[in-house]
Amino acid sequence: MDLQNIGRYIFRAHPWHGVNIGKNSPKFVNAYIELVPTDTVKYEVDKITGFLRVDRPQLYSNICPSLYGLIPQTYCGKRVAEYCQEKTGRGDIEGDHDPLDVCVLTEKLVPTGNVLVTCKPIGGFRMIDGGEADDKIIAIMSTDAVYSNVNDISQLPDSVVNRLKHYFLTYKQSPDNPIPKCEITHVYGKEEAYEVIKRAIEDYDEKFPGLRKIVDDFSLD
């Protein structure tokens, strides 16, 4: 067995760079889950090591109402920012320089993060956080018994969408800092979600040239 084949069996892939986005993207993508609804601490991937690290405790009553994580091999750079500017008519937006965020809906209890799931994007929130494009893709876990027939965010109950919106609009607030830092300008459907994902892939390829091909060549698929 050569070194390449040995390496893919014994080394842990970086969840942002070492995991393939999925050969059927943007209609189906892999998602790395950092946070689940039962977590009282917000976890985030350390960009250097790929390990989960504690970002901050959830100091107040905010509980993420879905699985939450990132879409591998994406980056919110100039193309994602330009799309946000185009849709909002604002010229002061830049990318947040992070992988694209994703909320994954499922009726099942997933007790812990640090897992990969395949999911179906159905829409998203055009969120701006401190002048940065911080889109939240909304997706359905593949073959989920309750949500699998949902193909666009417009088919979700308003209560589900509003619960997600409330979380993102309040999760950085505190009694001593009640002014919202985040705003959601639009709730968009799957076609716009596909466009955001495509642009985030292009931003990734520009930021990390050649890296996706290396991962593809290294894949077991």
N, C-alpha and C. Protein backbone atom coordinates (compact mmCIF):
# COMPACT_ATOMS: atom_id res chain seq x y z
N MET A 1 0.85 -1.19 0.00
CA MET A 1 0.00 0.00 0.00
C MET A 1 0.89 1.25 0.00
N ASP A 2 0.63 2.21 -0.93
CA ASP A 2 1.46 3.40 -1.00
C ASP A 2 1.08 4.40 0.09
N LEU A 3 1.91 5.45 0.22
CA LEU A 3 1.72 6.40 1.32
C LEU A 3 0.38 7.12 1.23
N GLN A 4 -0.09 7.41 0.00
CA GLN A 4 -1.37 8.09 -0.13
C GLN A 4 -2.50 7.23 0.44
N ASN A 5 -2.50 5.94 0.10
CA ASN A 5 -3.55 5.06 0.62
C ASN A 5 -3.43 4.86 2.11
N ILE A 6 -2.21 4.79 2.64
CA ILE A 6 -2.02 4.68 4.08
C ILE A 6 -2.55 5.93 4.78
N GLY A 7 -2.23 7.10 4.22
CA GLY A 7 -2.59 8.36 4.85
C GLY A 7 -4.09 8.54 5.01
N ARG A 8 -4.86 8.13 4.03
CA ARG A 8 -6.30 8.37 4.12
C ARG A 8 -6.97 7.44 5.12
N TYR A 9 -6.28 6.39 5.56
CA TYR A 9 -6.84 5.52 6.57
C TYR A 9 -6.44 5.93 7.99
N ILE A 10 -5.27 6.51 8.17
CA ILE A 10 -4.77 6.72 9.54
C ILE A 10 -4.79 8.16 10.00
N PHE A 11 -5.01 9.13 9.09
CA PHE A 11 -5.03 10.53 9.50
C PHE A 11 -6.45 11.07 9.46
N ARG A 12 -6.78 11.88 10.44
CA ARG A 12 -8.10 12.50 10.52
C ARG A 12 -8.16 13.69 9.57
N ALA A 13 -9.21 13.75 8.75
CA ALA A 13 -9.37 14.86 7.82
C ALA A 13 -9.77 16.13 8.55
N HIS A 14 -9.24 17.27 8.10
CA HIS A 14 -9.69 18.55 8.60
C HIS A 14 -11.12 18.76 8.12
N PRO A 15 -12.08 19.07 9.02
CA PRO A 15 -13.48 19.13 8.60
C PRO A 15 -13.79 20.25 7.62
N TRP A 16 -12.98 21.29 7.57
CA TRP A 16 -13.21 22.37 6.60
C TRP A 16 -12.55 22.05 5.26
N HIS A 17 -11.29 21.61 5.31
CA HIS A 17 -10.51 21.44 4.09
C HIS A 17 -10.42 20.00 3.60
N GLY A 18 -10.47 19.06 4.50
CA GLY A 18 -10.20 17.67 4.14
C GLY A 18 -11.42 16.84 3.83
N VAL A 19 -12.61 17.43 3.94
CA VAL A 19 -13.86 16.74 3.65
C VAL A 19 -14.42 17.30 2.35
N ASN A 20 -14.81 16.41 1.45
CA ASN A 20 -15.38 16.83 0.17
C ASN A 20 -16.75 17.45 0.39
N ILE A 21 -17.06 18.52 -0.34
CA ILE A 21 -18.38 19.15 -0.20
C ILE A 21 -19.49 18.23 -0.66
N GLY A 22 -19.18 17.28 -1.53
CA GLY A 22 -20.18 16.35 -2.06
C GLY A 22 -20.28 16.47 -3.56
N LYS A 23 -20.28 15.35 -4.24
CA LYS A 23 -20.23 15.38 -5.71
C LYS A 23 -21.53 15.86 -6.33
N ASN A 24 -22.62 15.93 -5.54
CA ASN A 24 -23.89 16.41 -6.06
C ASN A 24 -24.22 17.82 -5.58
N SER A 25 -23.21 18.55 -5.13
CA SER A 25 -23.46 19.92 -4.68
C SER A 25 -23.82 20.79 -5.89
N PRO A 26 -24.65 21.82 -5.71
CA PRO A 26 -25.19 22.32 -4.44
C PRO A 26 -26.52 21.69 -4.03
N LYS A 27 -27.04 20.72 -4.81
CA LYS A 27 -28.34 20.14 -4.46
C LYS A 27 -28.26 19.28 -3.21
N PHE A 28 -27.14 18.63 -3.02
CA PHE A 28 -26.87 17.90 -1.79
C PHE A 28 -25.43 18.22 -1.38
N VAL A 29 -25.22 18.48 -0.11
CA VAL A 29 -23.88 18.82 0.37
C VAL A 29 -23.61 18.08 1.66
N ASN A 30 -22.33 17.89 1.94
CA ASN A 30 -21.94 17.42 3.26
C ASN A 30 -21.92 18.61 4.22
N ALA A 31 -22.24 18.34 5.46
CA ALA A 31 -22.17 19.36 6.50
C ALA A 31 -21.44 18.78 7.70
N TYR A 32 -20.55 19.57 8.25
CA TYR A 32 -19.87 19.19 9.49
C TYR A 32 -20.59 19.89 10.63
N ILE A 33 -21.12 19.12 11.57
CA ILE A 33 -21.95 19.66 12.64
C ILE A 33 -21.06 20.02 13.84
N GLU A 34 -21.12 21.29 14.21
CA GLU A 34 -20.38 21.79 15.37
C GLU A 34 -21.24 21.84 16.62
N LEU A 35 -22.53 22.10 16.44
CA LEU A 35 -23.41 22.44 17.55
C LEU A 35 -24.74 21.72 17.39
N VAL A 36 -25.28 21.20 18.50
CA VAL A 36 -26.59 20.57 18.49
C VAL A 36 -27.49 21.29 19.49
N PRO A 37 -28.82 21.11 19.39
CA PRO A 37 -29.73 21.90 20.23
C PRO A 37 -29.54 21.74 21.73
N THR A 38 -28.96 20.64 22.18
CA THR A 38 -28.79 20.45 23.62
C THR A 38 -27.51 21.09 24.17
N ASP A 39 -26.67 21.65 23.31
CA ASP A 39 -25.41 22.24 23.77
C ASP A 39 -25.66 23.55 24.50
N THR A 40 -25.03 23.70 25.65
CA THR A 40 -25.08 24.96 26.39
C THR A 40 -23.81 25.77 26.18
N VAL A 41 -22.91 25.24 25.37
CA VAL A 41 -21.67 25.91 25.01
C VAL A 41 -21.62 25.97 23.48
N LYS A 42 -21.22 27.11 22.94
CA LYS A 42 -21.09 27.23 21.48
C LYS A 42 -19.70 26.75 21.08
N TYR A 43 -19.68 25.73 20.24
CA TYR A 43 -18.44 25.18 19.73
C TYR A 43 -18.20 25.69 18.31
N GLU A 44 -16.94 25.78 17.95
CA GLU A 44 -16.58 26.22 16.61
C GLU A 44 -15.28 25.52 16.20
N VAL A 45 -15.19 25.16 14.92
CA VAL A 45 -13.97 24.51 14.45
C VAL A 45 -12.79 25.46 14.53
N ASP A 46 -11.70 24.99 15.12
CA ASP A 46 -10.46 25.75 15.10
C ASP A 46 -9.88 25.64 13.68
N LYS A 47 -9.68 26.77 13.04
CA LYS A 47 -9.33 26.76 11.62
C LYS A 47 -7.96 26.16 11.36
N ILE A 48 -7.08 26.19 12.32
CA ILE A 48 -5.74 25.63 12.12
C ILE A 48 -5.71 24.13 12.34
N THR A 49 -6.21 23.67 13.49
CA THR A 49 -6.09 22.26 13.85
C THR A 49 -7.24 21.40 13.34
N GLY A 50 -8.42 22.01 13.13
CA GLY A 50 -9.59 21.23 12.74
C GLY A 50 -10.34 20.64 13.91
N PHE A 51 -9.85 20.85 15.14
CA PHE A 51 -10.56 20.37 16.32
C PHE A 51 -11.66 21.35 16.71
N LEU A 52 -12.69 20.83 17.39
CA LEU A 52 -13.70 21.71 17.96
C LEU A 52 -13.11 22.42 19.18
N ARG A 53 -13.38 23.71 19.27
CA ARG A 53 -12.96 24.44 20.45
C ARG A 53 -14.16 25.20 20.99
N VAL A 54 -14.10 25.55 22.27
CA VAL A 54 -15.18 26.33 22.88
C VAL A 54 -15.05 27.77 22.40
N ASP A 55 -16.10 28.23 21.71
CA ASP A 55 -16.14 29.62 21.27
C ASP A 55 -16.59 30.52 22.42
N ARG A 56 -17.70 30.13 23.05
CA ARG A 56 -18.18 30.86 24.22
C ARG A 56 -19.30 30.06 24.86
N PRO A 57 -19.49 30.22 26.17
CA PRO A 57 -20.67 29.63 26.79
C PRO A 57 -21.92 30.35 26.31
N GLN A 58 -23.04 29.61 26.24
CA GLN A 58 -24.31 30.26 25.98
C GLN A 58 -24.77 30.85 27.31
N LEU A 59 -24.48 32.15 27.52
CA LEU A 59 -24.67 32.76 28.83
C LEU A 59 -26.14 32.90 29.22
N TYR A 60 -27.02 33.01 28.25
CA TYR A 60 -28.41 33.30 28.56
C TYR A 60 -29.30 32.17 28.03
N SER A 61 -30.45 32.48 27.52
CA SER A 61 -31.42 31.44 27.20
C SER A 61 -31.37 30.98 25.75
N ASN A 62 -30.37 31.42 25.00
CA ASN A 62 -30.31 31.07 23.58
C ASN A 62 -29.96 29.60 23.38
N ILE A 63 -30.79 28.90 22.66
CA ILE A 63 -30.54 27.50 22.32
C ILE A 63 -30.73 27.36 20.82
N CYS A 64 -29.72 26.85 20.15
CA CYS A 64 -29.82 26.68 18.70
C CYS A 64 -30.88 25.64 18.40
N PRO A 65 -31.89 25.97 17.59
CA PRO A 65 -33.01 25.05 17.39
C PRO A 65 -32.78 23.98 16.32
N SER A 66 -31.58 23.89 15.79
CA SER A 66 -31.29 22.88 14.76
C SER A 66 -29.85 22.44 14.91
N LEU A 67 -29.47 21.43 14.16
CA LEU A 67 -28.05 21.13 14.01
C LEU A 67 -27.41 22.31 13.29
N TYR A 68 -26.19 22.64 13.67
CA TYR A 68 -25.55 23.84 13.11
C TYR A 68 -24.08 23.55 12.87
N GLY A 69 -23.60 23.96 11.70
CA GLY A 69 -22.20 23.72 11.41
C GLY A 69 -21.76 24.43 10.16
N LEU A 70 -20.87 23.81 9.41
CA LEU A 70 -20.28 24.43 8.23
C LEU A 70 -20.34 23.50 7.04
N ILE A 71 -20.29 24.10 5.87
CA ILE A 71 -20.20 23.34 4.62
C ILE A 71 -18.74 23.31 4.21
N PRO A 72 -18.13 22.12 4.13
CA PRO A 72 -16.71 22.04 3.79
C PRO A 72 -16.41 22.63 2.42
N GLN A 73 -15.17 23.05 2.26
CA GLN A 73 -14.65 23.55 0.98
C GLN A 73 -15.46 24.75 0.47
N THR A 74 -15.91 25.58 1.40
CA THR A 74 -16.55 26.86 1.06
C THR A 74 -15.86 27.96 1.83
N TYR A 75 -15.98 29.19 1.32
CA TYR A 75 -15.36 30.36 1.96
C TYR A 75 -16.18 31.59 1.59
N CYS A 76 -16.50 32.38 2.56
CA CYS A 76 -17.29 33.59 2.33
C CYS A 76 -16.35 34.76 2.06
N GLY A 77 -16.07 34.97 0.79
CA GLY A 77 -15.16 36.02 0.36
C GLY A 77 -15.87 37.04 -0.50
N LYS A 78 -15.16 37.52 -1.51
CA LYS A 78 -15.69 38.66 -2.29
C LYS A 78 -16.92 38.30 -3.10
N ARG A 79 -17.01 37.08 -3.62
CA ARG A 79 -18.17 36.72 -4.45
C ARG A 79 -19.44 36.61 -3.62
N VAL A 80 -19.33 36.02 -2.44
CA VAL A 80 -20.49 35.96 -1.54
C VAL A 80 -20.89 37.37 -1.12
N ALA A 81 -19.89 38.21 -0.82
CA ALA A 81 -20.19 39.59 -0.43
C ALA A 81 -20.84 40.37 -1.57
N GLU A 82 -20.36 40.18 -2.79
CA GLU A 82 -20.94 40.87 -3.95
C GLU A 82 -22.40 40.47 -4.16
N TYR A 83 -22.71 39.20 -3.93
CA TYR A 83 -24.10 38.75 -4.08
C TYR A 83 -24.99 39.39 -3.02
N CYS A 84 -24.47 39.49 -1.80
CA CYS A 84 -25.20 40.15 -0.73
C CYS A 84 -25.43 41.63 -1.06
N GLN A 85 -24.41 42.27 -1.59
CA GLN A 85 -24.55 43.67 -1.97
C GLN A 85 -25.58 43.84 -3.09
N GLU A 86 -25.54 42.92 -4.04
CA GLU A 86 -26.49 42.97 -5.16
C GLU A 86 -27.93 42.85 -4.68
N LYS A 87 -28.16 41.95 -3.74
CA LYS A 87 -29.51 41.68 -3.27
C LYS A 87 -30.01 42.72 -2.27
N THR A 88 -29.11 43.37 -1.55
CA THR A 88 -29.52 44.35 -0.54
C THR A 88 -29.41 45.78 -1.02
N GLY A 89 -28.68 46.00 -2.13
CA GLY A 89 -28.45 47.36 -2.60
C GLY A 89 -27.48 48.14 -1.76
N ARG A 90 -26.70 47.44 -0.94
CA ARG A 90 -25.72 48.09 -0.08
C ARG A 90 -24.31 47.87 -0.63
N GLY A 91 -23.46 48.83 -0.40
CA GLY A 91 -22.11 48.73 -0.94
C GLY A 91 -21.04 48.58 0.12
N ASP A 92 -21.44 48.34 1.35
CA ASP A 92 -20.48 48.32 2.45
C ASP A 92 -20.28 46.93 3.04
N ILE A 93 -20.57 45.88 2.27
CA ILE A 93 -20.54 44.51 2.77
C ILE A 93 -19.28 43.80 2.30
N GLU A 94 -18.68 43.04 3.19
CA GLU A 94 -17.58 42.15 2.81
C GLU A 94 -17.87 40.76 3.35
N GLY A 95 -17.15 39.77 2.85
CA GLY A 95 -17.33 38.41 3.35
C GLY A 95 -16.79 38.29 4.76
N ASP A 96 -17.27 37.29 5.49
CA ASP A 96 -16.82 37.14 6.88
C ASP A 96 -15.58 36.26 7.02
N HIS A 97 -15.03 35.78 5.87
CA HIS A 97 -13.77 35.02 5.85
C HIS A 97 -13.85 33.70 6.61
N ASP A 98 -15.04 33.13 6.64
CA ASP A 98 -15.27 31.84 7.28
C ASP A 98 -15.91 30.89 6.29
N PRO A 99 -15.93 29.58 6.60
CA PRO A 99 -16.72 28.67 5.77
C PRO A 99 -18.20 29.02 5.88
N LEU A 100 -18.97 28.58 4.92
CA LEU A 100 -20.40 28.88 4.87
C LEU A 100 -21.13 28.10 5.97
N ASP A 101 -21.97 28.82 6.72
CA ASP A 101 -22.72 28.20 7.81
C ASP A 101 -23.95 27.49 7.28
N VAL A 102 -24.37 26.44 8.01
CA VAL A 102 -25.54 25.68 7.60
C VAL A 102 -26.31 25.22 8.83
N CYS A 103 -27.63 25.34 8.77
CA CYS A 103 -28.55 24.77 9.76
C CYS A 103 -29.19 23.55 9.14
N VAL A 104 -29.14 22.43 9.82
CA VAL A 104 -29.68 21.19 9.27
C VAL A 104 -30.86 20.74 10.13
N LEU A 105 -32.03 20.66 9.50
CA LEU A 105 -33.24 20.25 10.18
C LEU A 105 -33.43 18.75 10.11
N THR A 106 -33.79 18.16 11.23
CA THR A 106 -34.10 16.74 11.30
C THR A 106 -35.03 16.50 12.47
N GLU A 107 -35.87 15.48 12.37
CA GLU A 107 -36.75 15.16 13.49
C GLU A 107 -36.03 14.30 14.53
N LYS A 108 -34.86 13.80 14.20
CA LYS A 108 -34.13 12.91 15.10
C LYS A 108 -33.27 13.71 16.08
N LEU A 109 -33.08 13.15 17.25
CA LEU A 109 -32.17 13.72 18.23
C LEU A 109 -30.75 13.28 17.89
N VAL A 110 -29.90 14.23 17.59
CA VAL A 110 -28.48 13.97 17.39
C VAL A 110 -27.78 14.48 18.65
N PRO A 111 -27.23 13.61 19.49
CA PRO A 111 -26.82 14.02 20.83
C PRO A 111 -25.53 14.82 20.90
N THR A 112 -24.73 14.78 19.84
CA THR A 112 -23.44 15.46 19.92
C THR A 112 -23.01 15.94 18.54
N GLY A 113 -22.18 16.97 18.53
CA GLY A 113 -21.62 17.45 17.29
C GLY A 113 -20.39 16.65 16.90
N ASN A 114 -19.54 17.25 16.04
CA ASN A 114 -18.35 16.57 15.54
C ASN A 114 -18.75 15.36 14.69
N VAL A 115 -19.82 15.54 13.90
CA VAL A 115 -20.28 14.48 13.00
C VAL A 115 -20.53 15.08 11.62
N LEU A 116 -20.51 14.22 10.61
CA LEU A 116 -20.82 14.63 9.24
C LEU A 116 -22.21 14.14 8.88
N VAL A 117 -22.97 14.99 8.18
CA VAL A 117 -24.27 14.59 7.66
C VAL A 117 -24.38 15.05 6.21
N THR A 118 -25.13 14.31 5.43
CA THR A 118 -25.47 14.75 4.09
C THR A 118 -26.82 15.44 4.16
N CYS A 119 -26.92 16.60 3.52
CA CYS A 119 -28.16 17.38 3.64
C CYS A 119 -28.52 18.04 2.32
N LYS A 120 -29.78 18.49 2.26
CA LYS A 120 -30.37 19.08 1.06
C LYS A 120 -30.67 20.55 1.34
N PRO A 121 -29.92 21.50 0.77
CA PRO A 121 -30.23 22.92 0.96
C PRO A 121 -31.60 23.27 0.40
N ILE A 122 -32.38 24.02 1.18
CA ILE A 122 -33.72 24.42 0.74
C ILE A 122 -33.91 25.94 0.77
N GLY A 123 -32.90 26.67 1.20
CA GLY A 123 -33.01 28.13 1.29
C GLY A 123 -31.96 28.67 2.24
N GLY A 124 -32.23 29.88 2.72
CA GLY A 124 -31.26 30.47 3.63
C GLY A 124 -31.69 31.83 4.15
N PHE A 125 -30.91 32.34 5.08
CA PHE A 125 -31.07 33.69 5.60
C PHE A 125 -29.92 34.55 5.09
N ARG A 126 -30.26 35.70 4.54
CA ARG A 126 -29.22 36.66 4.18
C ARG A 126 -28.94 37.49 5.44
N MET A 127 -27.94 37.07 6.18
CA MET A 127 -27.63 37.72 7.45
C MET A 127 -26.39 38.59 7.30
N ILE A 128 -26.42 39.74 7.92
CA ILE A 128 -25.29 40.66 7.95
C ILE A 128 -24.90 40.85 9.40
N ASP A 129 -23.66 40.57 9.70
CA ASP A 129 -23.15 40.63 11.08
C ASP A 129 -22.00 41.62 11.12
N GLY A 130 -22.25 42.80 11.65
CA GLY A 130 -21.19 43.80 11.74
C GLY A 130 -20.62 44.20 10.39
N GLY A 131 -21.47 44.31 9.37
CA GLY A 131 -21.03 44.71 8.04
C GLY A 131 -20.47 43.57 7.21
N GLU A 132 -20.57 42.33 7.68
CA GLU A 132 -20.05 41.17 6.95
C GLU A 132 -21.19 40.24 6.52
N ALA A 133 -21.10 39.74 5.30
CA ALA A 133 -22.06 38.74 4.82
C ALA A 133 -21.85 37.45 5.61
N ASP A 134 -22.91 36.99 6.25
CA ASP A 134 -22.83 35.82 7.12
C ASP A 134 -24.04 34.93 6.86
N ASP A 135 -24.21 34.53 5.58
CA ASP A 135 -25.38 33.74 5.19
C ASP A 135 -25.50 32.47 6.01
N LYS A 136 -26.74 32.10 6.31
CA LYS A 136 -27.05 30.85 6.98
C LYS A 136 -27.87 30.00 6.00
N ILE A 137 -27.27 28.95 5.48
CA ILE A 137 -27.98 28.04 4.60
C ILE A 137 -28.88 27.14 5.46
N ILE A 138 -30.13 26.99 5.05
CA ILE A 138 -31.07 26.10 5.74
C ILE A 138 -31.19 24.83 4.90
N ALA A 139 -31.02 23.69 5.56
CA ALA A 139 -30.99 22.42 4.83
C ALA A 139 -31.76 21.35 5.60
N ILE A 140 -32.06 20.28 4.90
CA ILE A 140 -32.77 19.13 5.46
C ILE A 140 -31.83 17.94 5.46
N MET A 141 -31.77 17.22 6.58
CA MET A 141 -30.97 16.00 6.60
C MET A 141 -31.54 15.00 5.60
N SER A 142 -30.69 14.44 4.78
CA SER A 142 -31.14 13.51 3.73
C SER A 142 -31.92 12.35 4.33
N THR A 143 -33.01 12.00 3.67
CA THR A 143 -33.90 10.88 4.02
C THR A 143 -34.55 11.04 5.40
N ASP A 144 -34.60 12.27 5.93
CA ASP A 144 -35.28 12.48 7.20
C ASP A 144 -36.75 12.12 7.06
N ALA A 145 -37.30 11.42 8.06
CA ALA A 145 -38.66 10.89 7.96
C ALA A 145 -39.72 11.98 7.92
N VAL A 146 -39.48 13.12 8.58
CA VAL A 146 -40.48 14.19 8.65
C VAL A 146 -40.24 15.26 7.60
N TYR A 147 -38.97 15.67 7.42
CA TYR A 147 -38.66 16.82 6.58
C TYR A 147 -38.25 16.48 5.14
N SER A 148 -38.09 15.21 4.82
CA SER A 148 -37.45 14.86 3.54
C SER A 148 -38.25 15.33 2.33
N ASN A 149 -39.57 15.52 2.48
CA ASN A 149 -40.38 15.98 1.35
C ASN A 149 -40.35 17.50 1.17
N VAL A 150 -39.69 18.21 2.07
CA VAL A 150 -39.57 19.66 1.95
C VAL A 150 -38.45 19.97 0.97
N ASN A 151 -38.77 20.72 -0.08
CA ASN A 151 -37.78 21.04 -1.10
C ASN A 151 -37.44 22.52 -1.18
N ASP A 152 -38.19 23.35 -0.45
CA ASP A 152 -37.91 24.78 -0.45
C ASP A 152 -38.33 25.34 0.91
N ILE A 153 -37.65 26.37 1.35
CA ILE A 153 -37.93 26.94 2.67
C ILE A 153 -39.36 27.44 2.78
N SER A 154 -39.98 27.78 1.65
CA SER A 154 -41.37 28.25 1.66
C SER A 154 -42.33 27.17 2.12
N GLN A 155 -41.90 25.91 2.11
CA GLN A 155 -42.75 24.80 2.53
C GLN A 155 -42.64 24.53 4.03
N LEU A 156 -41.71 25.18 4.70
CA LEU A 156 -41.58 25.00 6.14
C LEU A 156 -42.66 25.78 6.88
N PRO A 157 -43.11 25.28 8.04
CA PRO A 157 -44.02 26.08 8.87
C PRO A 157 -43.34 27.38 9.29
N ASP A 158 -44.12 28.46 9.37
CA ASP A 158 -43.56 29.75 9.80
C ASP A 158 -42.91 29.63 11.17
N SER A 159 -43.45 28.78 12.03
CA SER A 159 -42.91 28.65 13.38
C SER A 159 -41.46 28.16 13.37
N VAL A 160 -41.14 27.27 12.42
CA VAL A 160 -39.77 26.76 12.33
C VAL A 160 -38.82 27.85 11.84
N VAL A 161 -39.25 28.57 10.80
CA VAL A 161 -38.41 29.65 10.25
C VAL A 161 -38.23 30.75 11.29
N ASN A 162 -39.29 31.12 11.98
CA ASN A 162 -39.20 32.20 12.96
C ASN A 162 -38.32 31.82 14.15
N ARG A 163 -38.36 30.56 14.52
CA ARG A 163 -37.51 30.11 15.63
C ARG A 163 -36.04 30.23 15.25
N LEU A 164 -35.70 29.84 14.03
CA LEU A 164 -34.33 29.98 13.57
C LEU A 164 -33.92 31.45 13.48
N LYS A 165 -34.80 32.28 12.93
CA LYS A 165 -34.51 33.71 12.82
C LYS A 165 -34.28 34.32 14.20
N HIS A 166 -35.13 33.98 15.14
CA HIS A 166 -35.00 34.54 16.49
C HIS A 166 -33.65 34.18 17.10
N TYR A 167 -33.23 32.95 16.91
CA TYR A 167 -31.93 32.55 17.47
C TYR A 167 -30.81 33.41 16.92
N PHE A 168 -30.74 33.57 15.61
CA PHE A 168 -29.63 34.30 15.03
C PHE A 168 -29.71 35.80 15.29
N LEU A 169 -30.89 36.31 15.49
CA LEU A 169 -31.03 37.74 15.77
C LEU A 169 -30.74 38.08 17.23
N THR A 170 -30.71 37.08 18.09
CA THR A 170 -30.54 37.35 19.53
C THR A 170 -29.34 36.67 20.17
N TYR A 171 -28.67 35.75 19.45
CA TYR A 171 -27.68 34.92 20.14
C TYR A 171 -26.43 35.68 20.58
N LYS A 172 -26.25 36.90 20.09
CA LYS A 172 -25.11 37.71 20.54
C LYS A 172 -25.54 38.85 21.46
N GLN A 173 -26.82 38.92 21.77
CA GLN A 173 -27.29 39.96 22.67
C GLN A 173 -27.10 39.56 24.12
N SER A 174 -27.04 40.55 24.99
CA SER A 174 -26.96 40.34 26.43
C SER A 174 -27.59 41.55 27.11
N PRO A 175 -27.93 41.44 28.38
CA PRO A 175 -28.55 42.58 29.06
C PRO A 175 -27.71 43.85 29.02
N ASP A 176 -26.40 43.72 29.00
CA ASP A 176 -25.55 44.91 28.96
C ASP A 176 -25.22 45.35 27.53
N ASN A 177 -25.71 44.59 26.52
CA ASN A 177 -25.48 44.95 25.13
C ASN A 177 -26.72 44.55 24.31
N PRO A 178 -27.84 45.26 24.52
CA PRO A 178 -29.10 44.84 23.89
C PRO A 178 -29.26 45.23 22.44
N ILE A 179 -28.35 46.06 21.92
CA ILE A 179 -28.49 46.52 20.54
C ILE A 179 -28.11 45.39 19.59
N PRO A 180 -28.99 45.02 18.67
CA PRO A 180 -28.68 43.90 17.76
C PRO A 180 -27.46 44.19 16.90
N LYS A 181 -26.56 43.24 16.85
CA LYS A 181 -25.39 43.33 15.98
C LYS A 181 -25.68 42.69 14.62
N CYS A 182 -26.63 41.76 14.61
CA CYS A 182 -26.94 40.99 13.41
C CYS A 182 -28.29 41.43 12.85
N GLU A 183 -28.41 41.36 11.54
CA GLU A 183 -29.69 41.61 10.88
C GLU A 183 -29.89 40.58 9.77
N ILE A 184 -31.14 40.19 9.59
CA ILE A 184 -31.51 39.30 8.49
C ILE A 184 -32.33 40.11 7.51
N THR A 185 -31.77 40.34 6.33
CA THR A 185 -32.44 41.19 5.35
C THR A 185 -33.42 40.43 4.48
N HIS A 186 -33.14 39.15 4.25
CA HIS A 186 -34.01 38.34 3.38
C HIS A 186 -34.03 36.89 3.86
N VAL A 187 -35.16 36.25 3.66
CA VAL A 187 -35.25 34.79 3.70
C VAL A 187 -35.42 34.34 2.26
N TYR A 188 -34.49 33.53 1.76
CA TYR A 188 -34.51 33.17 0.34
C TYR A 188 -34.65 31.67 0.14
N GLY A 189 -35.09 31.31 -1.07
CA GLY A 189 -35.36 29.92 -1.41
C GLY A 189 -34.14 29.17 -1.89
N LYS A 190 -34.38 27.96 -2.39
CA LYS A 190 -33.27 27.06 -2.68
C LYS A 190 -32.41 27.55 -3.84
N GLU A 191 -32.99 28.21 -4.84
CA GLU A 191 -32.19 28.65 -5.98
C GLU A 191 -31.15 29.68 -5.55
N GLU A 192 -31.54 30.59 -4.67
CA GLU A 192 -30.56 31.56 -4.15
C GLU A 192 -29.55 30.87 -3.24
N ALA A 193 -30.01 29.86 -2.51
CA ALA A 193 -29.08 29.09 -1.68
C ALA A 193 -28.03 28.41 -2.56
N TYR A 194 -28.46 27.84 -3.68
CA TYR A 194 -27.51 27.23 -4.61
C TYR A 194 -26.49 28.27 -5.09
N GLU A 195 -26.95 29.47 -5.40
CA GLU A 195 -26.05 30.50 -5.89
C GLU A 195 -25.04 30.90 -4.82
N VAL A 196 -25.49 31.03 -3.59
CA VAL A 196 -24.57 31.37 -2.49
C VAL A 196 -23.51 30.27 -2.34
N ILE A 197 -23.95 29.01 -2.39
CA ILE A 197 -23.01 27.90 -2.25
C ILE A 197 -22.01 27.89 -3.40
N LYS A 198 -22.48 28.07 -4.62
CA LYS A 198 -21.58 28.10 -5.77
C LYS A 198 -20.53 29.21 -5.63
N ARG A 199 -20.97 30.39 -5.20
CA ARG A 199 -20.03 31.49 -5.02
C ARG A 199 -19.05 31.21 -3.90
N ALA A 200 -19.52 30.55 -2.83
CA ALA A 200 -18.64 30.22 -1.72
C ALA A 200 -17.59 29.18 -2.14
N ILE A 201 -17.96 28.29 -3.06
CA ILE A 201 -16.98 27.34 -3.61
C ILE A 201 -15.93 28.08 -4.43
N GLU A 202 -16.38 29.02 -5.25
CA GLU A 202 -15.44 29.81 -6.06
C GLU A 202 -14.52 30.64 -5.17
N ASP A 203 -15.07 31.23 -4.12
CA ASP A 203 -14.24 31.98 -3.18
C ASP A 203 -13.21 31.07 -2.51
N TYR A 204 -13.64 29.84 -2.20
CA TYR A 204 -12.72 28.88 -1.58
C TYR A 204 -11.58 28.53 -2.54
N ASP A 205 -11.92 28.27 -3.78
CA ASP A 205 -10.90 27.90 -4.76
C ASP A 205 -9.89 29.02 -4.98
N GLU A 206 -10.36 30.27 -4.88
CA GLU A 206 -9.43 31.38 -5.01
C GLU A 206 -8.56 31.52 -3.77
N LYS A 207 -9.15 31.31 -2.59
CA LYS A 207 -8.41 31.45 -1.33
C LYS A 207 -7.43 30.31 -1.13
N PHE A 208 -7.85 29.11 -1.52
CA PHE A 208 -7.02 27.91 -1.31
C PHE A 208 -6.85 27.18 -2.64
N PRO A 209 -6.12 27.75 -3.59
CA PRO A 209 -6.02 27.18 -4.94
C PRO A 209 -5.45 25.77 -4.95
N GLY A 210 -6.14 24.89 -5.65
CA GLY A 210 -5.66 23.52 -5.83
C GLY A 210 -6.00 22.57 -4.71
N LEU A 211 -6.48 23.10 -3.58
CA LEU A 211 -6.69 22.23 -2.42
C LEU A 211 -7.84 21.26 -2.62
N ARG A 212 -8.92 21.72 -3.25
CA ARG A 212 -10.06 20.83 -3.47
C ARG A 212 -9.69 19.64 -4.35
N LYS A 213 -8.85 19.88 -5.37
CA LYS A 213 -8.44 18.80 -6.26
C LYS A 213 -7.62 17.76 -5.51
N ILE A 214 -6.75 18.24 -4.61
CA ILE A 214 -5.95 17.31 -3.81
C ILE A 214 -6.85 16.42 -2.98
N VAL A 215 -7.87 17.02 -2.35
CA VAL A 215 -8.80 16.24 -1.53
C VAL A 215 -9.59 15.26 -2.39
N ASP A 216 -10.03 15.71 -3.55
CA ASP A 216 -10.77 14.84 -4.46
C ASP A 216 -9.91 13.64 -4.87
N ASP A 217 -8.64 13.88 -5.18
CA ASP A 217 -7.73 12.81 -5.58
C ASP A 217 -7.46 11.84 -4.42
N PHE A 218 -7.55 12.38 -3.20
CA PHE A 218 -7.25 11.61 -1.99
C PHE A 218 -8.45 10.83 -1.50
N SER A 219 -9.63 11.12 -2.07
CA SER A 219 -10.88 10.56 -1.57
C SER A 219 -10.97 9.08 -1.87
N LEU A 220 -11.73 8.40 -1.02
CA LEU A 220 -11.99 6.97 -1.24
C LEU A 220 -13.05 6.74 -2.31
N ASP A 221 -13.80 7.79 -2.67
CA ASP A 221 -14.87 7.62 -3.66
C ASP A 221 -14.29 7.29 -5.03
